[in-house]
Amino acid sequence: MTVSTPPRVLTVAGSDSGGGAGIQADLKTMLALGVHGMSVIAAVTAQNSLGVQGYWELPAEAVRAQLDSVLGDIGAQAIKTGMLASPVLVETVAEALAGAGAPVVVDPVGVSKHGDPLLAPEAVDTVKTRLLPVATVVTPNLWEVEQLTSVKVEDESGLRKAADAILELGPAWALIKGGHLPGEPVDLLTDGEREYRFTAERHDNRHTHGTGCTLASAIASYLALGETVPESVRLAKVYVTGAIAHGYPLGAGIGPVDHAWRWR
């Protein structure tokens, strides 16, 4: 029997002790989509369905050592970043990814699903000036758009203005997630010239912990599988919408999406 190695995807993010978001969500998504997931842990969180009780950054040298170890030996066909917490970690990761030679999907994590801050205020400028310029795709929600650009989106008509503001910071593509707007969810993807809008059914389900991590990891997985950026986003949206529909209760608060929904 001939065994082939699947495409490899690296996530650089924080660990979620509750298993619904962060590194754990990323690796579950990668497994579900048929790629080999690898991880660089940048921070450790104490969190559950009720919120984030605390987080601790890893030393920059530990993060850089993980990056060098994985990229120097195994390599990656795509890379996804999530929670990076501090300016020094953002700088460390951006420097390593600039020479990685693989598409980079940046989820500019600012707060948790419960509203707990996961990015130091002084790190916002570093994300804008160091990390976004090396990104292939940036996937901010509306709160993160405002944090990065001061553009406040009130309705669907404001999505393009938000995307243009993100693109001015240097990424090749911007995916503005409009799920928090009223009505049916609409996300806008653009590279400044081409524009794509993705709609989805809004499910009556409060168990949505990990949606942002899952979407970004799914996009990275499809890029590693050889899809274009627009097709990767389309396929990732289908996967995440199904995961949200099958989200389940866990603990006393917000439960996770179901990364294994296609298997059940």
C-alpha atoms as a PDB file:
ATOM      1  CA  MET A   1       0.000   0.000   0.000  1.00  0.00           C
ATOM      2  CA  THR A   2       1.326   3.434  -0.985  1.00  0.00           C
ATOM      3  CA  VAL A   3       0.868   6.095   1.680  1.00  0.00           C
ATOM      4  CA  SER A   4       0.902   9.734   0.614  1.00  0.00           C
ATOM      5  CA  THR A   5       1.500  12.679   2.898  1.00  0.00           C
ATOM      6  CA  PRO A   6      -1.461  15.080   3.082  1.00  0.00           C
ATOM      7  CA  PRO A   7      -0.974  18.834   2.685  1.00  0.00           C
ATOM      8  CA  ARG A   8       0.411  20.469   5.828  1.00  0.00           C
ATOM      9  CA  VAL A   9      -1.141  23.450   7.593  1.00  0.00           C
ATOM     10  CA  LEU A  10       0.409  25.284  10.539  1.00  0.00           C
ATOM     11  CA  THR A  11      -1.583  27.213  13.126  1.00  0.00           C
ATOM     12  CA  VAL A  12       0.066  29.835  15.327  1.00  0.00           C
ATOM     13  CA  ALA A  13      -2.368  30.689  18.077  1.00  0.00           C
ATOM     14  CA  GLY A  14      -3.409  30.305  21.706  1.00  0.00           C
ATOM     15  CA  SER A  15      -4.546  27.162  23.460  1.00  0.00           C
ATOM     16  CA  ASP A  16      -8.197  26.965  24.583  1.00  0.00           C
ATOM     17  CA  SER A  17      -8.487  24.713  27.625  1.00  0.00           C
ATOM     18  CA  GLY A  18     -12.199  24.267  26.902  1.00  0.00           C
ATOM     19  CA  GLY A  19     -11.425  22.810  23.471  1.00  0.00           C
ATOM     20  CA  GLY A  20     -13.812  24.966  21.452  1.00  0.00           C
ATOM     21  CA  ALA A  21     -11.550  27.617  19.927  1.00  0.00           C
ATOM     22  CA  GLY A  22      -7.877  28.394  19.427  1.00  0.00           C
ATOM     23  CA  ILE A  23      -5.330  25.688  18.677  1.00  0.00           C
ATOM     24  CA  GLN A  24      -7.830  22.961  19.514  1.00  0.00           C
ATOM     25  CA  ALA A  25     -10.455  24.231  17.045  1.00  0.00           C
ATOM     26  CA  ASP A  26      -7.792  24.737  14.396  1.00  0.00           C
ATOM     27  CA  LEU A  27      -6.464  21.188  14.597  1.00  0.00           C
ATOM     28  CA  LYS A  28      -9.967  19.685  14.638  1.00  0.00           C
ATOM     29  CA  THR A  29     -10.856  21.675  11.529  1.00  0.00           C
ATOM     30  CA  MET A  30      -7.695  20.591   9.731  1.00  0.00           C
ATOM     31  CA  LEU A  31      -8.331  16.929  10.527  1.00  0.00           C
ATOM     32  CA  ALA A  32     -11.938  17.216   9.343  1.00  0.00           C
ATOM     33  CA  LEU A  33     -10.821  18.719   6.021  1.00  0.00           C
ATOM     34  CA  GLY A  34      -8.103  16.180   5.298  1.00  0.00           C
ATOM     35  CA  VAL A  35      -4.873  18.078   5.936  1.00  0.00           C
ATOM     36  CA  HIS A  36      -2.095  17.494   8.453  1.00  0.00           C
ATOM     37  CA  GLY A  37      -2.344  20.101  11.194  1.00  0.00           C
ATOM     38  CA  MET A  38       0.685  21.425  13.094  1.00  0.00           C
ATOM     39  CA  SER A  39       0.787  23.971  15.884  1.00  0.00           C
ATOM     40  CA  VAL A  40       2.858  26.748  17.380  1.00  0.00           C
ATOM     41  CA  ILE A  41       1.399  27.692  20.749  1.00  0.00           C
ATOM     42  CA  ALA A  42       1.792  31.412  21.440  1.00  0.00           C
ATOM     43  CA  ALA A  43      -0.300  31.630  24.608  1.00  0.00           C
ATOM     44  CA  VAL A  44      -2.136  29.437  27.072  1.00  0.00           C
ATOM     45  CA  THR A  45      -5.615  30.389  28.231  1.00  0.00           C
ATOM     46  CA  ALA A  46      -7.746  29.249  31.123  1.00  0.00           C
ATOM     47  CA  GLN A  47     -11.222  29.301  29.619  1.00  0.00           C
ATOM     48  CA  ASN A  48     -14.475  27.416  29.541  1.00  0.00           C
ATOM     49  CA  SER A  49     -18.002  27.938  28.249  1.00  0.00           C
ATOM     50  CA  LEU A  50     -18.437  30.962  30.540  1.00  0.00           C
ATOM     51  CA  GLY A  51     -15.427  32.982  29.425  1.00  0.00           C
ATOM     52  CA  VAL A  52     -11.678  33.463  29.687  1.00  0.00           C
ATOM     53  CA  GLN A  53     -10.421  33.422  33.259  1.00  0.00           C
ATOM     54  CA  GLY A  54      -6.818  34.230  32.346  1.00  0.00           C
ATOM     55  CA  TYR A  55      -4.082  33.935  29.742  1.00  0.00           C
ATOM     56  CA  TRP A  56      -0.316  33.646  29.759  1.00  0.00           C
ATOM     57  CA  GLU A  57       1.958  34.409  26.816  1.00  0.00           C
ATOM     58  CA  LEU A  58       4.812  32.099  25.958  1.00  0.00           C
ATOM     59  CA  PRO A  59       8.273  33.675  25.729  1.00  0.00           C
ATOM     60  CA  ALA A  60       9.104  34.968  22.257  1.00  0.00           C
ATOM     61  CA  GLU A  61      12.080  32.601  22.039  1.00  0.00           C
ATOM     62  CA  ALA A  62       9.779  29.621  22.648  1.00  0.00           C
ATOM     63  CA  VAL A  63       7.423  30.752  19.892  1.00  0.00           C
ATOM     64  CA  ARG A  64      10.308  31.358  17.484  1.00  0.00           C
ATOM     65  CA  ALA A  65      11.807  27.956  18.308  1.00  0.00           C
ATOM     66  CA  GLN A  66       8.511  26.234  17.495  1.00  0.00           C
ATOM     67  CA  LEU A  67       8.260  28.125  14.205  1.00  0.00           C
ATOM     68  CA  ASP A  68      11.831  27.296  13.225  1.00  0.00           C
ATOM     69  CA  SER A  69      11.393  23.659  14.213  1.00  0.00           C
ATOM     70  CA  VAL A  70       8.272  23.073  12.136  1.00  0.00           C
ATOM     71  CA  LEU A  71       9.062  25.245   9.124  1.00  0.00           C
ATOM     72  CA  GLY A  72      12.720  24.231   8.998  1.00  0.00           C
ATOM     73  CA  ASP A  73      11.991  20.504   8.780  1.00  0.00           C
ATOM     74  CA  ILE A  74       8.373  19.812   7.806  1.00  0.00           C
ATOM     75  CA  GLY A  75       7.279  22.980   6.029  1.00  0.00           C
ATOM     76  CA  ALA A  76       3.716  24.079   5.380  1.00  0.00           C
ATOM     77  CA  GLN A  77       1.419  24.597   2.401  1.00  0.00           C
ATOM     78  CA  ALA A  78      -0.567  27.190   4.383  1.00  0.00           C
ATOM     79  CA  ILE A  79      -0.330  28.988   7.714  1.00  0.00           C
ATOM     80  CA  LYS A  80      -3.038  30.408   9.970  1.00  0.00           C
ATOM     81  CA  THR A  81      -2.537  32.845  12.840  1.00  0.00           C
ATOM     82  CA  GLY A  82      -4.877  33.510  15.728  1.00  0.00           C
ATOM     83  CA  MET A  83      -4.310  34.865  19.235  1.00  0.00           C
ATOM     84  CA  LEU A  84      -0.853  36.459  19.487  1.00  0.00           C
ATOM     85  CA  ALA A  85      -1.515  38.683  22.519  1.00  0.00           C
ATOM     86  CA  SER A  86       1.497  41.049  22.617  1.00  0.00           C
ATOM     87  CA  PRO A  87       3.658  43.229  20.347  1.00  0.00           C
ATOM     88  CA  VAL A  88       6.725  41.035  20.748  1.00  0.00           C
ATOM     89  CA  LEU A  89       4.821  37.895  19.774  1.00  0.00           C
ATOM     90  CA  VAL A  90       3.243  39.616  16.768  1.00  0.00           C
ATOM     91  CA  GLU A  91       6.678  40.805  15.635  1.00  0.00           C
ATOM     92  CA  THR A  92       8.221  37.370  16.166  1.00  0.00           C
ATOM     93  CA  VAL A  93       5.540  35.605  14.143  1.00  0.00           C
ATOM     94  CA  ALA A  94       5.437  38.210  11.369  1.00  0.00           C
ATOM     95  CA  GLU A  95       9.198  37.996  10.898  1.00  0.00           C
ATOM     96  CA  ALA A  96       9.090  34.206  10.581  1.00  0.00           C
ATOM     97  CA  LEU A  97       6.097  34.133   8.240  1.00  0.00           C
ATOM     98  CA  ALA A  98       7.502  36.771   5.884  1.00  0.00           C
ATOM     99  CA  GLY A  99       9.942  34.170   4.576  1.00  0.00           C
ATOM    100  CA  ALA A 100       7.780  31.067   4.897  1.00  0.00           C
ATOM    101  CA  GLY A 101       6.772  30.918   1.228  1.00  0.00           C
ATOM    102  CA  ALA A 102       3.207  29.798   1.993  1.00  0.00           C
ATOM    103  CA  PRO A 103      -0.159  31.599   2.011  1.00  0.00           C
ATOM    104  CA  VAL A 104      -0.963  33.129   5.395  1.00  0.00           C
ATOM    105  CA  VAL A 105      -4.489  33.477   6.784  1.00  0.00           C
ATOM    106  CA  VAL A 106      -4.628  36.020   9.630  1.00  0.00           C
ATOM    107  CA  ASP A 107      -7.495  35.932  12.091  1.00  0.00           C
ATOM    108  CA  PRO A 108      -6.782  39.197  13.981  1.00  0.00           C
ATOM    109  CA  VAL A 109      -8.134  37.958  17.299  1.00  0.00           C
ATOM    110  CA  GLY A 110      -8.947  40.857  19.597  1.00  0.00           C
ATOM    111  CA  VAL A 111     -11.557  39.495  21.992  1.00  0.00           C
ATOM    112  CA  SER A 112     -13.116  36.149  22.849  1.00  0.00           C
ATOM    113  CA  LYS A 113     -16.693  35.157  22.050  1.00  0.00           C
ATOM    114  CA  HIS A 114     -17.550  36.282  25.593  1.00  0.00           C
ATOM    115  CA  GLY A 115     -15.960  39.731  25.148  1.00  0.00           C
ATOM    116  CA  ASP A 116     -12.753  38.999  27.048  1.00  0.00           C
ATOM    117  CA  PRO A 117      -9.702  40.848  25.622  1.00  0.00           C
ATOM    118  CA  LEU A 118      -7.078  38.602  24.011  1.00  0.00           C
ATOM    119  CA  LEU A 119      -4.857  41.266  22.414  1.00  0.00           C
ATOM    120  CA  ALA A 120      -2.995  43.917  24.390  1.00  0.00           C
ATOM    121  CA  PRO A 121      -3.987  47.448  23.245  1.00  0.00           C
ATOM    122  CA  GLU A 122      -0.353  48.268  22.512  1.00  0.00           C
ATOM    123  CA  ALA A 123      -0.194  45.290  20.107  1.00  0.00           C
ATOM    124  CA  VAL A 124      -2.844  46.658  17.719  1.00  0.00           C
ATOM    125  CA  ASP A 125      -0.379  48.880  15.851  1.00  0.00           C
ATOM    126  CA  THR A 126       2.048  45.972  15.549  1.00  0.00           C
ATOM    127  CA  VAL A 127      -0.647  43.819  13.981  1.00  0.00           C
ATOM    128  CA  LYS A 128      -1.377  46.615  11.507  1.00  0.00           C
ATOM    129  CA  THR A 129       2.209  47.377  10.564  1.00  0.00           C
ATOM    130  CA  ARG A 130       3.936  43.997  10.826  1.00  0.00           C
ATOM    131  CA  LEU A 131       1.443  41.130  10.536  1.00  0.00           C
ATOM    132  CA  LEU A 132      -1.189  42.289   8.044  1.00  0.00           C
ATOM    133  CA  PRO A 133       1.374  43.127   5.333  1.00  0.00           C
ATOM    134  CA  VAL A 134       2.462  39.448   5.193  1.00  0.00           C
ATOM    135  CA  ALA A 135      -1.119  38.128   5.046  1.00  0.00           C
ATOM    136  CA  THR A 136      -2.741  36.505   2.052  1.00  0.00           C
ATOM    137  CA  VAL A 137      -6.190  36.770   3.643  1.00  0.00           C
ATOM    138  CA  VAL A 138      -7.296  38.684   6.756  1.00  0.00           C
ATOM    139  CA  THR A 139     -10.604  37.632   8.357  1.00  0.00           C
ATOM    140  CA  PRO A 140     -11.769  40.317  10.833  1.00  0.00           C
ATOM    141  CA  ASN A 141     -15.209  40.504  12.356  1.00  0.00           C
ATOM    142  CA  LEU A 142     -16.819  43.933  12.614  1.00  0.00           C
ATOM    143  CA  TRP A 143     -15.408  44.676  16.060  1.00  0.00           C
ATOM    144  CA  GLU A 144     -11.905  43.819  14.839  1.00  0.00           C
ATOM    145  CA  VAL A 145     -12.392  46.015  11.754  1.00  0.00           C
ATOM    146  CA  GLU A 146     -13.160  48.953  14.019  1.00  0.00           C
ATOM    147  CA  GLN A 147     -10.213  48.124  16.280  1.00  0.00           C
ATOM    148  CA  LEU A 148      -7.811  48.047  13.315  1.00  0.00           C
ATOM    149  CA  THR A 149      -9.184  50.853  11.115  1.00  0.00           C
ATOM    150  CA  SER A 150     -11.695  52.914  13.182  1.00  0.00           C
ATOM    151  CA  VAL A 151     -14.308  52.098  10.497  1.00  0.00           C
ATOM    152  CA  LYS A 152     -17.649  51.224  12.096  1.00  0.00           C
ATOM    153  CA  VAL A 153     -19.975  49.115   9.947  1.00  0.00           C
ATOM    154  CA  GLU A 154     -23.679  49.672  10.589  1.00  0.00           C
ATOM    155  CA  ASP A 155     -25.159  47.626   7.719  1.00  0.00           C
ATOM    156  CA  GLU A 156     -24.211  45.605   4.651  1.00  0.00           C
ATOM    157  CA  SER A 157     -23.506  48.726   2.609  1.00  0.00           C
ATOM    158  CA  GLY A 158     -20.524  49.475   4.856  1.00  0.00           C
ATOM    159  CA  LEU A 159     -18.724  46.187   4.255  1.00  0.00           C
ATOM    160  CA  ARG A 160     -16.789  47.391   1.207  1.00  0.00           C
ATOM    161  CA  LYS A 161     -15.544  50.509   2.988  1.00  0.00           C
ATOM    162  CA  ALA A 162     -14.317  48.281   5.803  1.00  0.00           C
ATOM    163  CA  ALA A 163     -12.603  45.923   3.363  1.00  0.00           C
ATOM    164  CA  ASP A 164     -10.844  48.793   1.589  1.00  0.00           C
ATOM    165  CA  ALA A 165      -9.587  50.112   4.923  1.00  0.00           C
ATOM    166  CA  ILE A 166      -8.181  46.682   5.808  1.00  0.00           C
ATOM    167  CA  LEU A 167      -6.550  46.337   2.375  1.00  0.00           C
ATOM    168  CA  GLU A 168      -4.746  49.642   2.906  1.00  0.00           C
ATOM    169  CA  LEU A 169      -2.838  47.889   5.695  1.00  0.00           C
ATOM    170  CA  GLY A 170      -1.226  45.515   3.219  1.00  0.00           C
ATOM    171  CA  PRO A 171      -2.912  42.102   2.921  1.00  0.00           C
ATOM    172  CA  ALA A 172      -3.712  40.646  -0.497  1.00  0.00           C
ATOM    173  CA  TRP A 173      -7.350  39.877   0.388  1.00  0.00           C
ATOM    174  CA  ALA A 174      -9.790  41.041   3.057  1.00  0.00           C
ATOM    175  CA  LEU A 175     -12.731  38.936   4.222  1.00  0.00           C
ATOM    176  CA  ILE A 176     -15.092  41.081   6.300  1.00  0.00           C
ATOM    177  CA  LYS A 177     -17.385  38.911   8.400  1.00  0.00           C
ATOM    178  CA  GLY A 178     -20.829  40.465   8.645  1.00  0.00           C
ATOM    179  CA  GLY A 179     -22.491  37.877  10.858  1.00  0.00           C
ATOM    180  CA  HIS A 180     -23.198  40.390  13.618  1.00  0.00           C
ATOM    181  CA  LEU A 181     -25.304  42.591  11.341  1.00  0.00           C
ATOM    182  CA  PRO A 182     -29.090  42.176  11.354  1.00  0.00           C
ATOM    183  CA  GLY A 183     -30.679  39.951   8.736  1.00  0.00           C
ATOM    184  CA  GLU A 184     -29.123  37.030   6.908  1.00  0.00           C
ATOM    185  CA  PRO A 185     -25.339  36.770   7.396  1.00  0.00           C
ATOM    186  CA  VAL A 186     -23.254  38.256   4.567  1.00  0.00           C
ATOM    187  CA  ASP A 187     -19.455  38.189   4.335  1.00  0.00           C
ATOM    188  CA  LEU A 188     -17.544  40.249   1.782  1.00  0.00           C
ATOM    189  CA  LEU A 189     -14.265  39.139   0.188  1.00  0.00           C
ATOM    190  CA  THR A 190     -12.195  41.436  -2.008  1.00  0.00           C
ATOM    191  CA  ASP A 191      -8.668  42.061  -3.217  1.00  0.00           C
ATOM    192  CA  GLY A 192      -9.558  45.625  -4.148  1.00  0.00           C
ATOM    193  CA  GLU A 193     -10.623  44.711  -7.684  1.00  0.00           C
ATOM    194  CA  ARG A 194     -12.615  41.500  -7.496  1.00  0.00           C
ATOM    195  CA  GLU A 195     -15.488  41.283  -5.025  1.00  0.00           C
ATOM    196  CA  TYR A 196     -17.402  38.261  -3.727  1.00  0.00           C
ATOM    197  CA  ARG A 197     -20.301  38.121  -1.290  1.00  0.00           C
ATOM    198  CA  PHE A 198     -21.104  34.960   0.637  1.00  0.00           C
ATOM    199  CA  THR A 199     -24.473  34.451   2.265  1.00  0.00           C
ATOM    200  CA  ALA A 200     -25.563  31.729   4.652  1.00  0.00           C
ATOM    201  CA  GLU A 201     -28.569  30.682   6.641  1.00  0.00           C
ATOM    202  CA  ARG A 202     -28.710  32.128  10.150  1.00  0.00           C
ATOM    203  CA  HIS A 203     -29.168  29.244  12.563  1.00  0.00           C
ATOM    204  CA  ASP A 204     -31.012  29.701  15.851  1.00  0.00           C
ATOM    205  CA  ASN A 205     -28.111  28.334  17.858  1.00  0.00           C
ATOM    206  CA  ARG A 206     -26.220  30.039  20.691  1.00  0.00           C
ATOM    207  CA  HIS A 207     -23.436  27.454  20.673  1.00  0.00           C
ATOM    208  CA  THR A 208     -21.016  29.241  18.371  1.00  0.00           C
ATOM    209  CA  HIS A 209     -17.747  29.251  20.317  1.00  0.00           C
ATOM    210  CA  GLY A 210     -14.800  28.949  17.920  1.00  0.00           C
ATOM    211  CA  THR A 211     -16.432  30.142  14.700  1.00  0.00           C
ATOM    212  CA  GLY A 212     -13.699  32.640  13.820  1.00  0.00           C
ATOM    213  CA  CYS A 213     -10.861  30.193  14.465  1.00  0.00           C
ATOM    214  CA  THR A 214     -12.681  27.483  12.549  1.00  0.00           C
ATOM    215  CA  LEU A 215     -13.353  29.671   9.507  1.00  0.00           C
ATOM    216  CA  ALA A 216      -9.755  30.883   9.232  1.00  0.00           C
ATOM    217  CA  SER A 217      -8.397  27.355   9.659  1.00  0.00           C
ATOM    218  CA  ALA A 218     -10.799  26.023   7.042  1.00  0.00           C
ATOM    219  CA  ILE A 219      -9.672  28.701   4.571  1.00  0.00           C
ATOM    220  CA  ALA A 220      -6.032  27.793   5.220  1.00  0.00           C
ATOM    221  CA  SER A 221      -6.828  24.104   4.792  1.00  0.00           C
ATOM    222  CA  TYR A 222      -8.478  24.624   1.422  1.00  0.00           C
ATOM    223  CA  LEU A 223      -5.605  26.850   0.278  1.00  0.00           C
ATOM    224  CA  ALA A 224      -3.223  24.025   1.173  1.00  0.00           C
ATOM    225  CA  LEU A 225      -5.395  21.677  -0.870  1.00  0.00           C
ATOM    226  CA  GLY A 226      -4.819  23.894  -3.907  1.00  0.00           C
ATOM    227  CA  GLU A 227      -8.003  25.957  -4.075  1.00  0.00           C
ATOM    228  CA  THR A 228      -8.032  29.637  -4.989  1.00  0.00           C
ATOM    229  CA  VAL A 229      -8.743  32.245  -2.317  1.00  0.00           C
ATOM    230  CA  PRO A 230     -12.402  32.822  -3.367  1.00  0.00           C
ATOM    231  CA  GLU A 231     -13.088  29.084  -3.619  1.00  0.00           C
ATOM    232  CA  SER A 232     -11.330  28.424  -0.307  1.00  0.00           C
ATOM    233  CA  VAL A 233     -13.550  31.000   1.377  1.00  0.00           C
ATOM    234  CA  ARG A 234     -16.695  29.568  -0.244  1.00  0.00           C
ATOM    235  CA  LEU A 235     -15.896  26.007   0.845  1.00  0.00           C
ATOM    236  CA  ALA A 236     -14.862  27.167   4.313  1.00  0.00           C
ATOM    237  CA  LYS A 237     -18.164  28.996   4.708  1.00  0.00           C
ATOM    238  CA  VAL A 238     -20.080  25.816   3.851  1.00  0.00           C
ATOM    239  CA  TYR A 239     -18.093  23.864   6.430  1.00  0.00           C
ATOM    240  CA  VAL A 240     -18.486  26.477   9.179  1.00  0.00           C
ATOM    241  CA  THR A 241     -22.206  26.944   8.532  1.00  0.00           C
ATOM    242  CA  GLY A 242     -22.701  23.207   9.042  1.00  0.00           C
ATOM    243  CA  ALA A 243     -20.551  23.283  12.177  1.00  0.00           C
ATOM    244  CA  ILE A 244     -22.661  26.120  13.603  1.00  0.00           C
ATOM    245  CA  ALA A 245     -25.895  24.292  12.782  1.00  0.00           C
ATOM    246  CA  HIS A 246     -24.653  21.304  14.777  1.00  0.00           C
ATOM    247  CA  GLY A 247     -23.172  23.290  17.687  1.00  0.00           C
ATOM    248  CA  TYR A 248     -23.888  21.631  21.013  1.00  0.00           C
ATOM    249  CA  PRO A 249     -24.204  22.636  24.684  1.00  0.00           C
ATOM    250  CA  LEU A 250     -21.112  22.257  26.831  1.00  0.00           C
ATOM    251  CA  GLY A 251     -20.850  23.548  30.376  1.00  0.00           C
ATOM    252  CA  ALA A 252     -23.118  26.328  31.614  1.00  0.00           C
ATOM    253  CA  GLY A 253     -22.414  28.911  28.901  1.00  0.00           C
ATOM    254  CA  ILE A 254     -21.743  29.065  25.147  1.00  0.00           C
ATOM    255  CA  GLY A 255     -20.954  25.690  23.634  1.00  0.00           C
ATOM    256  CA  PRO A 256     -18.704  24.980  20.641  1.00  0.00           C
ATOM    257  CA  VAL A 257     -19.457  24.442  16.995  1.00  0.00           C
ATOM    258  CA  ASP A 258     -19.226  20.815  15.908  1.00  0.00           C
ATOM    259  CA  HIS A 259     -16.059  20.306  13.889  1.00  0.00           C
ATOM    260  CA  ALA A 260     -16.989  16.678  13.223  1.00  0.00           C
ATOM    261  CA  TRP A 261     -20.509  17.380  11.931  1.00  0.00           C
ATOM    262  CA  ARG A 262     -19.854  15.698   8.586  1.00  0.00           C
ATOM    263  CA  TRP A 263     -18.850  12.482  10.330  1.00  0.00           C
ATOM    264  CA  ARG A 264     -21.796  12.194  12.709  1.00  0.00           C
END
